[in-house]
Amino acid sequence: WTDATRASDEMWLCAGLIMVESGGSFNMSIAAKRAYVYVKANGQTHPVIGRRAFGGYLSAISVAGKPLARTWSLLAEAAPVGATTLALLHDPRAMGWAVGDRIALAPMATGSSGNAEARSIAGFADGNVVLLDAATQAAYPVELSSDALRAPEVVHLSRSVVITGDQFSHAPNCHGDTPGKTCTDGLHVMMAGFARSLLRISHVRVERCGQRGTLGRYCLHLHRQGSCPDCLLHGNAIEQSHQRGIVVHGTHQALVSENVLFDVRGANIYLE
């Protein structure tokens, strides 16, 4: 699937299970248009990657969205309660950010007591300034000392390719060996193959993901790939996870870079 091979400006692939097996490949590269991979909660399962899954075994998956020069920045100036503009350390237009895109601000309250805020970009002004669609509810201080800058991160959450699915569901008795245990299920993306598979996901948004209570089911998961210098998880936005964000398990030489994670339950990035 590419911009050239698809006539529609918006395209969808919907299934309860999307599995690439035994030397197969899945290739999607969408920059000028929009694409959605939608994983349904319809009971379909696979013996290797389980339920509500997009993944592969002994195969190759490559999914790429519109590249961004940067996926996050820092506030350059303090923003008070009720702010409708944000001055960033980097030029938002040069980073590839656009009107209508979603961004999120990291909380600055002490003791991890604050809440992040997500807003949409309403426009731009001179001086690396982003105009917001709604005022902030908290204050965001910026402190510059002789050797450090203390400022909240501003992360970019919109992508031209979105891996999404049905809302989270709660599965009672989800493990036969643990009667009565309840799992919270979203989708998950996993490549397994023991050094004979390839996963490349770049500039893609993954949401409603992770399966809390089920081992090995995460938003983006390189599973025992061994040496995989061509494996890539780059520039992605992960939002709404019930079990971690990115997991690199038994995989070496892969590149995991410039990803942003928001509203993730558990570790954002987990190396095993």
C-alpha atoms as a PDB file:
ATOM      1  CA  TRP A   1       0.000   0.000   0.000  1.00  0.00           C
ATOM      2  CA  THR A   2       1.501   3.330  -1.092  1.00  0.00           C
ATOM      3  CA  ASP A   3       0.203   6.775  -1.998  1.00  0.00           C
ATOM      4  CA  ALA A   4       0.512   5.785  -5.668  1.00  0.00           C
ATOM      5  CA  THR A   5      -1.277   2.425  -5.473  1.00  0.00           C
ATOM      6  CA  ARG A   6      -4.343   3.677  -3.583  1.00  0.00           C
ATOM      7  CA  ALA A   7      -6.787   6.077  -5.253  1.00  0.00           C
ATOM      8  CA  SER A   8      -8.619   7.156  -2.095  1.00  0.00           C
ATOM      9  CA  ASP A   9      -7.202   9.834   0.185  1.00  0.00           C
ATOM     10  CA  GLU A  10      -8.174   7.640   3.165  1.00  0.00           C
ATOM     11  CA  MET A  11      -7.784   3.880   3.293  1.00  0.00           C
ATOM     12  CA  TRP A  12      -8.642   1.204   5.873  1.00  0.00           C
ATOM     13  CA  LEU A  13      -7.584  -2.366   6.592  1.00  0.00           C
ATOM     14  CA  CYS A  14      -9.930  -3.901   9.180  1.00  0.00           C
ATOM     15  CA  ALA A  15      -9.649  -7.388  10.685  1.00  0.00           C
ATOM     16  CA  GLY A  16      -9.676  -9.201  13.989  1.00  0.00           C
ATOM     17  CA  LEU A  17      -6.229 -10.646  13.237  1.00  0.00           C
ATOM     18  CA  ILE A  18      -3.578  -9.531  10.732  1.00  0.00           C
ATOM     19  CA  MET A  19      -0.770 -12.076  10.517  1.00  0.00           C
ATOM     20  CA  VAL A  20       2.157 -12.313   8.074  1.00  0.00           C
ATOM     21  CA  GLU A  21       3.689 -15.802   8.006  1.00  0.00           C
ATOM     22  CA  SER A  22       6.366 -18.029   6.518  1.00  0.00           C
ATOM     23  CA  GLY A  23       8.327 -15.728   4.238  1.00  0.00           C
ATOM     24  CA  GLY A  24       5.442 -13.358   3.518  1.00  0.00           C
ATOM     25  CA  SER A  25       5.706  -9.576   3.647  1.00  0.00           C
ATOM     26  CA  PHE A  26       3.460  -6.605   4.425  1.00  0.00           C
ATOM     27  CA  ASN A  27       4.487  -3.200   3.091  1.00  0.00           C
ATOM     28  CA  MET A  28       2.707   0.109   3.684  1.00  0.00           C
ATOM     29  CA  SER A  29       4.164   3.559   3.020  1.00  0.00           C
ATOM     30  CA  ILE A  30       1.692   6.457   3.211  1.00  0.00           C
ATOM     31  CA  ALA A  31       2.894  10.075   3.410  1.00  0.00           C
ATOM     32  CA  ALA A  32       0.564  12.233   1.297  1.00  0.00           C
ATOM     33  CA  LYS A  33      -2.657  10.402   2.225  1.00  0.00           C
ATOM     34  CA  ARG A  34      -4.029   8.706   5.373  1.00  0.00           C
ATOM     35  CA  ALA A  35      -4.165   5.026   6.250  1.00  0.00           C
ATOM     36  CA  TYR A  36      -5.653   3.069   9.148  1.00  0.00           C
ATOM     37  CA  VAL A  37      -4.962  -0.487  10.269  1.00  0.00           C
ATOM     38  CA  TYR A  38      -7.951  -1.345  12.466  1.00  0.00           C
ATOM     39  CA  VAL A  39      -7.802  -4.423  14.705  1.00  0.00           C
ATOM     40  CA  LYS A  40     -11.243  -5.602  15.800  1.00  0.00           C
ATOM     41  CA  ALA A  41     -12.162  -7.508  18.942  1.00  0.00           C
ATOM     42  CA  ASN A  42     -13.982 -10.324  17.153  1.00  0.00           C
ATOM     43  CA  GLY A  43     -12.420 -13.375  18.802  1.00  0.00           C
ATOM     44  CA  GLN A  44      -9.885 -14.273  16.106  1.00  0.00           C
ATOM     45  CA  THR A  45      -6.667 -15.733  17.527  1.00  0.00           C
ATOM     46  CA  HIS A  46      -3.319 -17.087  16.349  1.00  0.00           C
ATOM     47  CA  PRO A  47      -1.254 -19.722  18.216  1.00  0.00           C
ATOM     48  CA  VAL A  48       1.897 -17.550  18.201  1.00  0.00           C
ATOM     49  CA  ILE A  49       0.721 -13.939  18.555  1.00  0.00           C
ATOM     50  CA  GLY A  50      -2.665 -14.454  20.188  1.00  0.00           C
ATOM     51  CA  ARG A  51      -5.734 -12.211  19.934  1.00  0.00           C
ATOM     52  CA  ARG A  52      -6.359  -8.663  18.672  1.00  0.00           C
ATOM     53  CA  ALA A  53      -2.993  -8.718  16.940  1.00  0.00           C
ATOM     54  CA  PHE A  54      -1.127  -7.230  14.003  1.00  0.00           C
ATOM     55  CA  GLY A  55       2.111  -9.091  13.597  1.00  0.00           C
ATOM     56  CA  GLY A  56       4.230 -11.682  11.963  1.00  0.00           C
ATOM     57  CA  TYR A  57       6.243 -14.878  12.323  1.00  0.00           C
ATOM     58  CA  LEU A  58       9.203 -15.737  10.079  1.00  0.00           C
ATOM     59  CA  SER A  59       8.211 -12.815   7.841  1.00  0.00           C
ATOM     60  CA  ALA A  60       8.691  -9.094   7.213  1.00  0.00           C
ATOM     61  CA  ILE A  61       6.494  -6.113   8.085  1.00  0.00           C
ATOM     62  CA  SER A  62       7.255  -2.540   7.050  1.00  0.00           C
ATOM     63  CA  VAL A  63       4.863   0.325   7.857  1.00  0.00           C
ATOM     64  CA  ALA A  64       5.884   3.948   7.300  1.00  0.00           C
ATOM     65  CA  GLY A  65       4.018   7.221   7.674  1.00  0.00           C
ATOM     66  CA  LYS A  66       4.916  10.782   6.701  1.00  0.00           C
ATOM     67  CA  PRO A  67       8.376  11.570   8.118  1.00  0.00           C
ATOM     68  CA  LEU A  68       8.790  14.256  10.776  1.00  0.00           C
ATOM     69  CA  ALA A  69      12.062  16.107  11.284  1.00  0.00           C
ATOM     70  CA  ARG A  70      11.399  16.047  15.056  1.00  0.00           C
ATOM     71  CA  THR A  71       8.730  14.324  17.134  1.00  0.00           C
ATOM     72  CA  TRP A  72       9.141  16.424  20.307  1.00  0.00           C
ATOM     73  CA  SER A  73      10.507  19.694  21.623  1.00  0.00           C
ATOM     74  CA  LEU A  74      10.742  21.636  24.899  1.00  0.00           C
ATOM     75  CA  LEU A  75       9.058  24.802  26.030  1.00  0.00           C
ATOM     76  CA  ALA A  76      11.391  27.765  25.564  1.00  0.00           C
ATOM     77  CA  GLU A  77       9.288  30.093  27.731  1.00  0.00           C
ATOM     78  CA  ALA A  78       7.066  29.454  30.758  1.00  0.00           C
ATOM     79  CA  ALA A  79       3.344  29.016  30.063  1.00  0.00           C
ATOM     80  CA  PRO A  80       0.912  30.212  32.775  1.00  0.00           C
ATOM     81  CA  VAL A  81      -2.469  28.729  33.635  1.00  0.00           C
ATOM     82  CA  GLY A  82      -4.848  29.590  30.798  1.00  0.00           C
ATOM     83  CA  ALA A  83      -2.141  29.846  28.136  1.00  0.00           C
ATOM     84  CA  THR A  84      -3.335  29.679  24.535  1.00  0.00           C
ATOM     85  CA  THR A  85       0.152  29.861  22.988  1.00  0.00           C
ATOM     86  CA  LEU A  86       3.353  27.868  23.514  1.00  0.00           C
ATOM     87  CA  ALA A  87       6.843  29.072  22.614  1.00  0.00           C
ATOM     88  CA  LEU A  88       8.959  26.044  21.662  1.00  0.00           C
ATOM     89  CA  LEU A  89      12.697  25.496  21.567  1.00  0.00           C
ATOM     90  CA  HIS A  90      12.430  24.395  17.911  1.00  0.00           C
ATOM     91  CA  ASP A  91      10.518  25.736  14.895  1.00  0.00           C
ATOM     92  CA  PRO A  92       7.282  23.676  14.752  1.00  0.00           C
ATOM     93  CA  ARG A  93       6.849  24.092  11.003  1.00  0.00           C
ATOM     94  CA  ALA A  94      10.424  22.988  10.343  1.00  0.00           C
ATOM     95  CA  MET A  95       9.755  19.919  12.484  1.00  0.00           C
ATOM     96  CA  GLY A  96       6.847  19.017  10.176  1.00  0.00           C
ATOM     97  CA  TRP A  97       4.039  19.851  12.600  1.00  0.00           C
ATOM     98  CA  ALA A  98       0.788  21.114  11.044  1.00  0.00           C
ATOM     99  CA  VAL A  99      -2.457  22.845  11.972  1.00  0.00           C
ATOM    100  CA  GLY A 100      -4.905  20.299  13.402  1.00  0.00           C
ATOM    101  CA  ASP A 101      -2.187  18.009  14.773  1.00  0.00           C
ATOM    102  CA  ARG A 102      -2.399  16.887  18.404  1.00  0.00           C
ATOM    103  CA  ILE A 103       0.357  17.668  20.881  1.00  0.00           C
ATOM    104  CA  ALA A 104       0.752  16.937  24.591  1.00  0.00           C
ATOM    105  CA  LEU A 105       2.580  18.729  27.416  1.00  0.00           C
ATOM    106  CA  ALA A 106       4.346  16.843  30.169  1.00  0.00           C
ATOM    107  CA  PRO A 107       3.270  17.816  33.723  1.00  0.00           C
ATOM    108  CA  MET A 108       5.717  19.738  35.905  1.00  0.00           C
ATOM    109  CA  ALA A 109       4.053  19.275  39.307  1.00  0.00           C
ATOM    110  CA  THR A 110       6.224  17.877  42.096  1.00  0.00           C
ATOM    111  CA  GLY A 111       6.092  14.234  43.096  1.00  0.00           C
ATOM    112  CA  SER A 112       4.533  13.132  39.790  1.00  0.00           C
ATOM    113  CA  SER A 113       1.268  14.649  40.987  1.00  0.00           C
ATOM    114  CA  GLY A 114       0.329  16.491  37.804  1.00  0.00           C
ATOM    115  CA  ASN A 115      -1.582  15.467  34.705  1.00  0.00           C
ATOM    116  CA  ALA A 116      -0.441  15.884  31.120  1.00  0.00           C
ATOM    117  CA  GLU A 117      -2.589  17.955  28.784  1.00  0.00           C
ATOM    118  CA  ALA A 118      -3.313  17.237  25.115  1.00  0.00           C
ATOM    119  CA  ARG A 119      -4.287  20.027  22.729  1.00  0.00           C
ATOM    120  CA  SER A 120      -4.607  20.569  18.980  1.00  0.00           C
ATOM    121  CA  ILE A 121      -2.562  23.052  16.998  1.00  0.00           C
ATOM    122  CA  ALA A 122      -4.746  25.976  15.869  1.00  0.00           C
ATOM    123  CA  GLY A 123      -1.980  27.901  14.096  1.00  0.00           C
ATOM    124  CA  PHE A 124       1.529  29.301  14.282  1.00  0.00           C
ATOM    125  CA  ALA A 125       3.160  32.648  15.024  1.00  0.00           C
ATOM    126  CA  ASP A 126       6.672  34.040  14.804  1.00  0.00           C
ATOM    127  CA  GLY A 127       9.234  32.937  17.353  1.00  0.00           C
ATOM    128  CA  ASN A 128       8.518  29.170  17.231  1.00  0.00           C
ATOM    129  CA  VAL A 129       5.070  29.831  18.719  1.00  0.00           C
ATOM    130  CA  VAL A 130       2.220  27.311  18.522  1.00  0.00           C
ATOM    131  CA  LEU A 131      -1.392  28.520  18.894  1.00  0.00           C
ATOM    132  CA  LEU A 132      -3.632  26.136  20.854  1.00  0.00           C
ATOM    133  CA  ASP A 133      -7.281  25.240  20.284  1.00  0.00           C
ATOM    134  CA  ALA A 134      -7.977  25.514  24.043  1.00  0.00           C
ATOM    135  CA  ALA A 135      -6.288  27.093  27.063  1.00  0.00           C
ATOM    136  CA  THR A 136      -4.057  25.082  29.392  1.00  0.00           C
ATOM    137  CA  GLN A 137      -5.356  24.162  32.833  1.00  0.00           C
ATOM    138  CA  ALA A 138      -1.964  24.086  34.574  1.00  0.00           C
ATOM    139  CA  ALA A 139       1.153  26.236  34.664  1.00  0.00           C
ATOM    140  CA  TYR A 140       4.326  25.048  32.910  1.00  0.00           C
ATOM    141  CA  PRO A 141       7.489  26.638  34.338  1.00  0.00           C
ATOM    142  CA  VAL A 142      10.791  26.915  32.498  1.00  0.00           C
ATOM    143  CA  GLU A 143      14.039  27.291  34.433  1.00  0.00           C
ATOM    144  CA  LEU A 144      17.394  27.984  32.789  1.00  0.00           C
ATOM    145  CA  SER A 145      20.460  27.722  35.001  1.00  0.00           C
ATOM    146  CA  SER A 146      24.131  27.925  34.112  1.00  0.00           C
ATOM    147  CA  ASP A 147      24.315  24.246  33.244  1.00  0.00           C
ATOM    148  CA  ALA A 148      20.804  22.949  32.613  1.00  0.00           C
ATOM    149  CA  LEU A 149      17.377  23.674  31.136  1.00  0.00           C
ATOM    150  CA  ARG A 150      14.378  22.453  33.113  1.00  0.00           C
ATOM    151  CA  ALA A 151      11.322  22.574  30.879  1.00  0.00           C
ATOM    152  CA  PRO A 152       8.351  20.386  29.985  1.00  0.00           C
ATOM    153  CA  GLU A 153       8.452  18.217  26.905  1.00  0.00           C
ATOM    154  CA  VAL A 154       5.947  18.902  24.143  1.00  0.00           C
ATOM    155  CA  VAL A 155       5.316  15.745  22.108  1.00  0.00           C
ATOM    156  CA  HIS A 156       3.688  15.399  18.703  1.00  0.00           C
ATOM    157  CA  LEU A 157       0.979  12.715  18.529  1.00  0.00           C
ATOM    158  CA  SER A 158      -0.483  12.846  14.992  1.00  0.00           C
ATOM    159  CA  ARG A 159       0.649  10.581  12.151  1.00  0.00           C
ATOM    160  CA  SER A 160      -0.489   9.834   8.587  1.00  0.00           C
ATOM    161  CA  VAL A 161      -0.681   6.091   9.398  1.00  0.00           C
ATOM    162  CA  VAL A 162      -2.614   4.932  12.470  1.00  0.00           C
ATOM    163  CA  ILE A 163      -2.742   1.439  13.946  1.00  0.00           C
ATOM    164  CA  THR A 164      -5.887   1.433  16.062  1.00  0.00           C
ATOM    165  CA  GLY A 165      -8.803  -0.774  16.995  1.00  0.00           C
ATOM    166  CA  ASP A 166     -11.841  -1.384  19.170  1.00  0.00           C
ATOM    167  CA  GLN A 167     -11.910   0.081  22.658  1.00  0.00           C
ATOM    168  CA  PHE A 168     -10.369  -1.872  25.527  1.00  0.00           C
ATOM    169  CA  SER A 169     -12.373  -4.842  26.754  1.00  0.00           C
ATOM    170  CA  HIS A 170     -12.184  -6.778  30.014  1.00  0.00           C
ATOM    171  CA  ALA A 171     -11.870 -10.536  29.718  1.00  0.00           C
ATOM    172  CA  PRO A 172     -12.758 -12.572  32.831  1.00  0.00           C
ATOM    173  CA  ASN A 173     -10.915 -15.844  33.375  1.00  0.00           C
ATOM    174  CA  CYS A 174      -8.469 -14.935  30.623  1.00  0.00           C
ATOM    175  CA  HIS A 175      -5.847 -17.455  31.813  1.00  0.00           C
ATOM    176  CA  GLY A 176      -6.724 -21.093  32.296  1.00  0.00           C
ATOM    177  CA  ASP A 177      -3.920 -21.447  34.847  1.00  0.00           C
ATOM    178  CA  THR A 178      -5.180 -18.506  36.932  1.00  0.00           C
ATOM    179  CA  PRO A 179      -8.944 -18.874  37.434  1.00  0.00           C
ATOM    180  CA  GLY A 180     -10.761 -15.624  37.996  1.00  0.00           C
ATOM    181  CA  LYS A 181      -7.996 -13.390  36.630  1.00  0.00           C
ATOM    182  CA  THR A 182      -9.283 -10.490  34.518  1.00  0.00           C
ATOM    183  CA  CYS A 183      -7.313  -9.083  31.589  1.00  0.00           C
ATOM    184  CA  THR A 184      -7.733  -5.702  29.890  1.00  0.00           C
ATOM    185  CA  ASP A 185      -7.330  -6.155  26.154  1.00  0.00           C
ATOM    186  CA  GLY A 186      -6.336  -3.733  23.445  1.00  0.00           C
ATOM    187  CA  LEU A 187      -4.528  -4.473  20.209  1.00  0.00           C
ATOM    188  CA  HIS A 188      -0.852  -5.386  20.066  1.00  0.00           C
ATOM    189  CA  VAL A 189       1.865  -5.337  17.394  1.00  0.00           C
ATOM    190  CA  MET A 190       4.410  -8.159  17.570  1.00  0.00           C
ATOM    191  CA  MET A 191       7.092  -9.709  15.391  1.00  0.00           C
ATOM    192  CA  ALA A 192       8.388 -13.129  16.394  1.00  0.00           C
ATOM    193  CA  GLY A 193      10.800 -15.202  14.388  1.00  0.00           C
ATOM    194  CA  PHE A 194      13.999 -15.973  16.230  1.00  0.00           C
ATOM    195  CA  ALA A 195      16.422 -13.964  14.049  1.00  0.00           C
ATOM    196  CA  ARG A 196      14.584 -14.757  10.826  1.00  0.00           C
ATOM    197  CA  SER A 197      12.004 -11.956  10.745  1.00  0.00           C
ATOM    198  CA  LEU A 198      11.997  -8.201  10.212  1.00  0.00           C
ATOM    199  CA  LEU A 199       9.886  -5.421  11.719  1.00  0.00           C
ATOM    200  CA  ARG A 200      10.166  -1.787  10.599  1.00  0.00           C
ATOM    201  CA  ILE A 201       7.609   0.701  11.958  1.00  0.00           C
ATOM    202  CA  SER A 202       8.328   4.404  11.452  1.00  0.00           C
ATOM    203  CA  HIS A 203       6.305   7.604  11.923  1.00  0.00           C
ATOM    204  CA  VAL A 204       3.164   5.619  12.803  1.00  0.00           C
ATOM    205  CA  ARG A 205       0.629   6.233  15.578  1.00  0.00           C
ATOM    206  CA  VAL A 206      -0.319   3.171  17.679  1.00  0.00           C
ATOM    207  CA  GLU A 207      -3.243   3.555  20.089  1.00  0.00           C
ATOM    208  CA  ARG A 208      -5.615   1.493  22.300  1.00  0.00           C
ATOM    209  CA  CYS A 209      -2.853  -1.054  22.682  1.00  0.00           C
ATOM    210  CA  GLY A 210      -1.396  -3.480  25.188  1.00  0.00           C
ATOM    211  CA  GLN A 211      -3.055  -6.356  27.028  1.00  0.00           C
ATOM    212  CA  ARG A 212      -2.751  -5.959  30.772  1.00  0.00           C
ATOM    213  CA  GLY A 213      -2.534  -9.346  32.465  1.00  0.00           C
ATOM    214  CA  THR A 214      -1.323 -11.233  29.390  1.00  0.00           C
ATOM    215  CA  LEU A 215       2.398 -11.881  29.039  1.00  0.00           C
ATOM    216  CA  GLY A 216       4.110 -10.538  25.927  1.00  0.00           C
ATOM    217  CA  ARG A 217       1.319  -8.351  24.507  1.00  0.00           C
ATOM    218  CA  TYR A 218       2.545  -4.794  24.035  1.00  0.00           C
ATOM    219  CA  CYS A 219       1.993  -1.842  21.695  1.00  0.00           C
ATOM    220  CA  LEU A 220       5.223  -2.443  19.737  1.00  0.00           C
ATOM    221  CA  HIS A 221       7.158  -5.632  20.436  1.00  0.00           C
ATOM    222  CA  LEU A 222      10.374  -7.028  18.982  1.00  0.00           C
ATOM    223  CA  HIS A 223      10.273 -10.593  20.290  1.00  0.00           C
ATOM    224  CA  ARG A 224      13.498 -12.623  20.318  1.00  0.00           C
ATOM    225  CA  GLN A 225      14.733 -11.414  16.949  1.00  0.00           C
ATOM    226  CA  GLY A 226      18.365 -12.084  17.826  1.00  0.00           C
ATOM    227  CA  SER A 227      20.713  -9.887  15.782  1.00  0.00           C
ATOM    228  CA  CYS A 228      18.467  -7.637  13.686  1.00  0.00           C
ATOM    229  CA  PRO A 229      20.368  -4.548  12.466  1.00  0.00           C
ATOM    230  CA  ASP A 230      17.582  -3.755   9.975  1.00  0.00           C
ATOM    231  CA  CYS A 231      14.807  -3.766  12.600  1.00  0.00           C
ATOM    232  CA  LEU A 232      13.509  -0.237  13.197  1.00  0.00           C
ATOM    233  CA  LEU A 233      11.035   1.468  15.556  1.00  0.00           C
ATOM    234  CA  HIS A 234      11.473   5.158  14.770  1.00  0.00           C
ATOM    235  CA  GLY A 235       9.463   8.356  15.174  1.00  0.00           C
ATOM    236  CA  ASN A 236       6.291   6.604  16.345  1.00  0.00           C
ATOM    237  CA  ALA A 237       3.604   7.961  18.674  1.00  0.00           C
ATOM    238  CA  ILE A 238       2.099   5.547  21.198  1.00  0.00           C
ATOM    239  CA  GLU A 239      -0.968   6.587  23.177  1.00  0.00           C
ATOM    240  CA  GLN A 240      -3.336   4.751  25.520  1.00  0.00           C
ATOM    241  CA  SER A 241      -1.605   1.554  26.552  1.00  0.00           C
ATOM    242  CA  HIS A 242      -2.574  -0.823  29.346  1.00  0.00           C
ATOM    243  CA  GLN A 243       0.771  -2.663  29.345  1.00  0.00           C
ATOM    244  CA  ARG A 244       3.999  -0.807  28.553  1.00  0.00           C
ATOM    245  CA  GLY A 245       4.765   0.910  25.261  1.00  0.00           C
ATOM    246  CA  ILE A 246       7.788  -0.459  23.377  1.00  0.00           C
ATOM    247  CA  VAL A 247       9.382  -3.771  24.371  1.00  0.00           C
ATOM    248  CA  VAL A 248      12.682  -5.018  22.926  1.00  0.00           C
ATOM    249  CA  HIS A 249      13.074  -8.648  24.007  1.00  0.00           C
ATOM    250  CA  GLY A 250      16.092 -10.749  23.062  1.00  0.00           C
ATOM    251  CA  THR A 251      16.781  -8.473  20.080  1.00  0.00           C
ATOM    252  CA  HIS A 252      20.098  -6.785  19.318  1.00  0.00           C
ATOM    253  CA  GLN A 253      21.382  -4.033  16.993  1.00  0.00           C
ATOM    254  CA  ALA A 254      17.860  -2.795  16.252  1.00  0.00           C
ATOM    255  CA  LEU A 255      17.291   0.976  16.153  1.00  0.00           C
ATOM    256  CA  VAL A 256      14.651   2.388  18.522  1.00  0.00           C
ATOM    257  CA  SER A 257      14.682   6.177  18.307  1.00  0.00           C
ATOM    258  CA  GLU A 258      12.656   9.396  18.498  1.00  0.00           C
ATOM    259  CA  ASN A 259       9.461   7.689  19.621  1.00  0.00           C
ATOM    260  CA  VAL A 260       7.003   9.565  21.884  1.00  0.00           C
ATOM    261  CA  LEU A 261       4.703   7.873  24.398  1.00  0.00           C
ATOM    262  CA  PHE A 262       1.657   9.348  26.147  1.00  0.00           C
ATOM    263  CA  ASP A 263      -0.855   7.860  28.605  1.00  0.00           C
ATOM    264  CA  VAL A 264       0.983   4.541  28.959  1.00  0.00           C
ATOM    265  CA  ARG A 265       0.379   2.252  31.942  1.00  0.00           C
ATOM    266  CA  GLY A 266       3.684   0.745  32.988  1.00  0.00           C
ATOM    267  CA  ALA A 267       7.152   1.302  31.558  1.00  0.00           C
ATOM    268  CA  ASN A 268       7.286   3.362  28.368  1.00  0.00           C
ATOM    269  CA  ILE A 269      10.307   1.518  26.956  1.00  0.00           C
ATOM    270  CA  TYR A 270      11.299  -1.899  28.319  1.00  0.00           C
ATOM    271  CA  LEU A 271      14.475  -3.807  27.449  1.00  0.00           C
ATOM    272  CA  GLU A 272      14.586  -7.515  28.233  1.00  0.00           C
END
